[in-house]
Amino acid sequence: MYCYTCGSDEQHRPLTAAEKAWLKNRTGRKSVEEFFMCSKPGCRNLRTGFNQHPFDPVIRLPQPD
């Protein structure tokens, strides 16, 4: 999938349960099943399958502890 932040096609993966919980809390959405995270090291940009830039400003998942 294309990553708006990286400016190129990058691998994306579905969110883990902990990441979904964080995103729900951050956005107030009830469902975040449609989101994917860029797998390029350091990026962590979020997108959906159809919308490469769903948030303005960009939301990135925080680095795991």
C-alpha atoms as a PDB file:
ATOM      1  CA  MET A   1       0.000   0.000   0.000  1.00  0.00           C
ATOM      2  CA  TYR A   2       1.076   3.562  -0.536  1.00  0.00           C
ATOM      3  CA  CYS A   3       2.273   5.412   2.575  1.00  0.00           C
ATOM      4  CA  TYR A   4       1.529   9.136   2.506  1.00  0.00           C
ATOM      5  CA  THR A   5       4.244   9.836   5.101  1.00  0.00           C
ATOM      6  CA  CYS A   6       6.987   7.769   3.425  1.00  0.00           C
ATOM      7  CA  GLY A   7       5.941   8.865  -0.053  1.00  0.00           C
ATOM      8  CA  SER A   8       6.247   5.339  -1.440  1.00  0.00           C
ATOM      9  CA  ASP A   9       4.654   1.906  -1.518  1.00  0.00           C
ATOM     10  CA  GLU A  10       5.412   0.181   1.786  1.00  0.00           C
ATOM     11  CA  GLN A  11       4.275  -2.953   3.609  1.00  0.00           C
ATOM     12  CA  HIS A  12       1.380  -2.343   6.001  1.00  0.00           C
ATOM     13  CA  ARG A  13      -0.011  -4.638   8.674  1.00  0.00           C
ATOM     14  CA  PRO A  14      -3.263  -4.819  10.641  1.00  0.00           C
ATOM     15  CA  LEU A  15      -3.201  -3.337  14.135  1.00  0.00           C
ATOM     16  CA  THR A  16      -2.721  -5.452  17.250  1.00  0.00           C
ATOM     17  CA  ALA A  17      -5.356  -5.395  20.013  1.00  0.00           C
ATOM     18  CA  ALA A  18      -3.273  -2.954  22.089  1.00  0.00           C
ATOM     19  CA  GLU A  19      -2.793  -0.651  19.083  1.00  0.00           C
ATOM     20  CA  LYS A  20      -6.524  -0.731  18.335  1.00  0.00           C
ATOM     21  CA  ALA A  21      -7.266   0.222  21.951  1.00  0.00           C
ATOM     22  CA  TRP A  22      -4.822   3.137  21.742  1.00  0.00           C
ATOM     23  CA  LEU A  23      -6.336   4.380  18.465  1.00  0.00           C
ATOM     24  CA  LYS A  24      -9.894   4.112  19.796  1.00  0.00           C
ATOM     25  CA  ASN A  25      -8.883   6.186  22.818  1.00  0.00           C
ATOM     26  CA  ARG A  26      -6.991   8.713  20.655  1.00  0.00           C
ATOM     27  CA  THR A  27      -9.763   9.228  18.078  1.00  0.00           C
ATOM     28  CA  GLY A  28     -12.943   8.415  20.018  1.00  0.00           C
ATOM     29  CA  ARG A  29     -14.024   5.966  17.291  1.00  0.00           C
ATOM     30  CA  LYS A  30     -15.952   2.858  18.279  1.00  0.00           C
ATOM     31  CA  SER A  31     -14.356   0.738  15.563  1.00  0.00           C
ATOM     32  CA  VAL A  32     -10.849   0.919  14.112  1.00  0.00           C
ATOM     33  CA  GLU A  33     -10.823  -2.445  12.333  1.00  0.00           C
ATOM     34  CA  GLU A  34     -10.190  -0.811   8.937  1.00  0.00           C
ATOM     35  CA  PHE A  35      -6.794   0.675   9.863  1.00  0.00           C
ATOM     36  CA  PHE A  36      -3.349  -0.555   8.872  1.00  0.00           C
ATOM     37  CA  MET A  37       0.070   0.619  10.053  1.00  0.00           C
ATOM     38  CA  CYS A  38       3.093   1.248   7.825  1.00  0.00           C
ATOM     39  CA  SER A  39       5.745  -1.361   8.637  1.00  0.00           C
ATOM     40  CA  LYS A  40       8.719   0.768   7.554  1.00  0.00           C
ATOM     41  CA  PRO A  41      10.963   1.250  10.620  1.00  0.00           C
ATOM     42  CA  GLY A  42      10.278   4.571  12.298  1.00  0.00           C
ATOM     43  CA  CYS A  43       7.167   5.456  10.270  1.00  0.00           C
ATOM     44  CA  ARG A  44       4.126   3.806  11.950  1.00  0.00           C
ATOM     45  CA  ASN A  45       1.712   5.945   9.875  1.00  0.00           C
ATOM     46  CA  LEU A  46      -1.940   4.852   9.833  1.00  0.00           C
ATOM     47  CA  ARG A  47      -4.189   4.436   6.816  1.00  0.00           C
ATOM     48  CA  THR A  48      -7.271   2.481   5.794  1.00  0.00           C
ATOM     49  CA  GLY A  49      -7.537   0.154   2.825  1.00  0.00           C
ATOM     50  CA  PHE A  50      -9.120   2.903   0.728  1.00  0.00           C
ATOM     51  CA  ASN A  51      -7.910   6.155   2.310  1.00  0.00           C
ATOM     52  CA  GLN A  52      -4.171   6.750   2.376  1.00  0.00           C
ATOM     53  CA  HIS A  53      -4.511  10.002   4.390  1.00  0.00           C
ATOM     54  CA  PRO A  54      -7.429   9.533   6.827  1.00  0.00           C
ATOM     55  CA  PHE A  55      -6.185  11.986   9.488  1.00  0.00           C
ATOM     56  CA  ASP A  56      -5.111  15.603   9.243  1.00  0.00           C
ATOM     57  CA  PRO A  57      -2.714  16.009  10.933  1.00  0.00           C
ATOM     58  CA  VAL A  58      -1.189  12.556  10.476  1.00  0.00           C
ATOM     59  CA  ILE A  59      -1.589  10.105  13.366  1.00  0.00           C
ATOM     60  CA  ARG A  60       1.254   7.677  13.981  1.00  0.00           C
ATOM     61  CA  LEU A  61       1.176   4.870  16.485  1.00  0.00           C
ATOM     62  CA  PRO A  62       3.641   5.384  19.326  1.00  0.00           C
ATOM     63  CA  GLN A  63       6.689   3.133  19.518  1.00  0.00           C
ATOM     64  CA  PRO A  64       6.116   0.080  21.749  1.00  0.00           C
ATOM     65  CA  ASP A  65       7.657   0.209  25.203  1.00  0.00           C
END
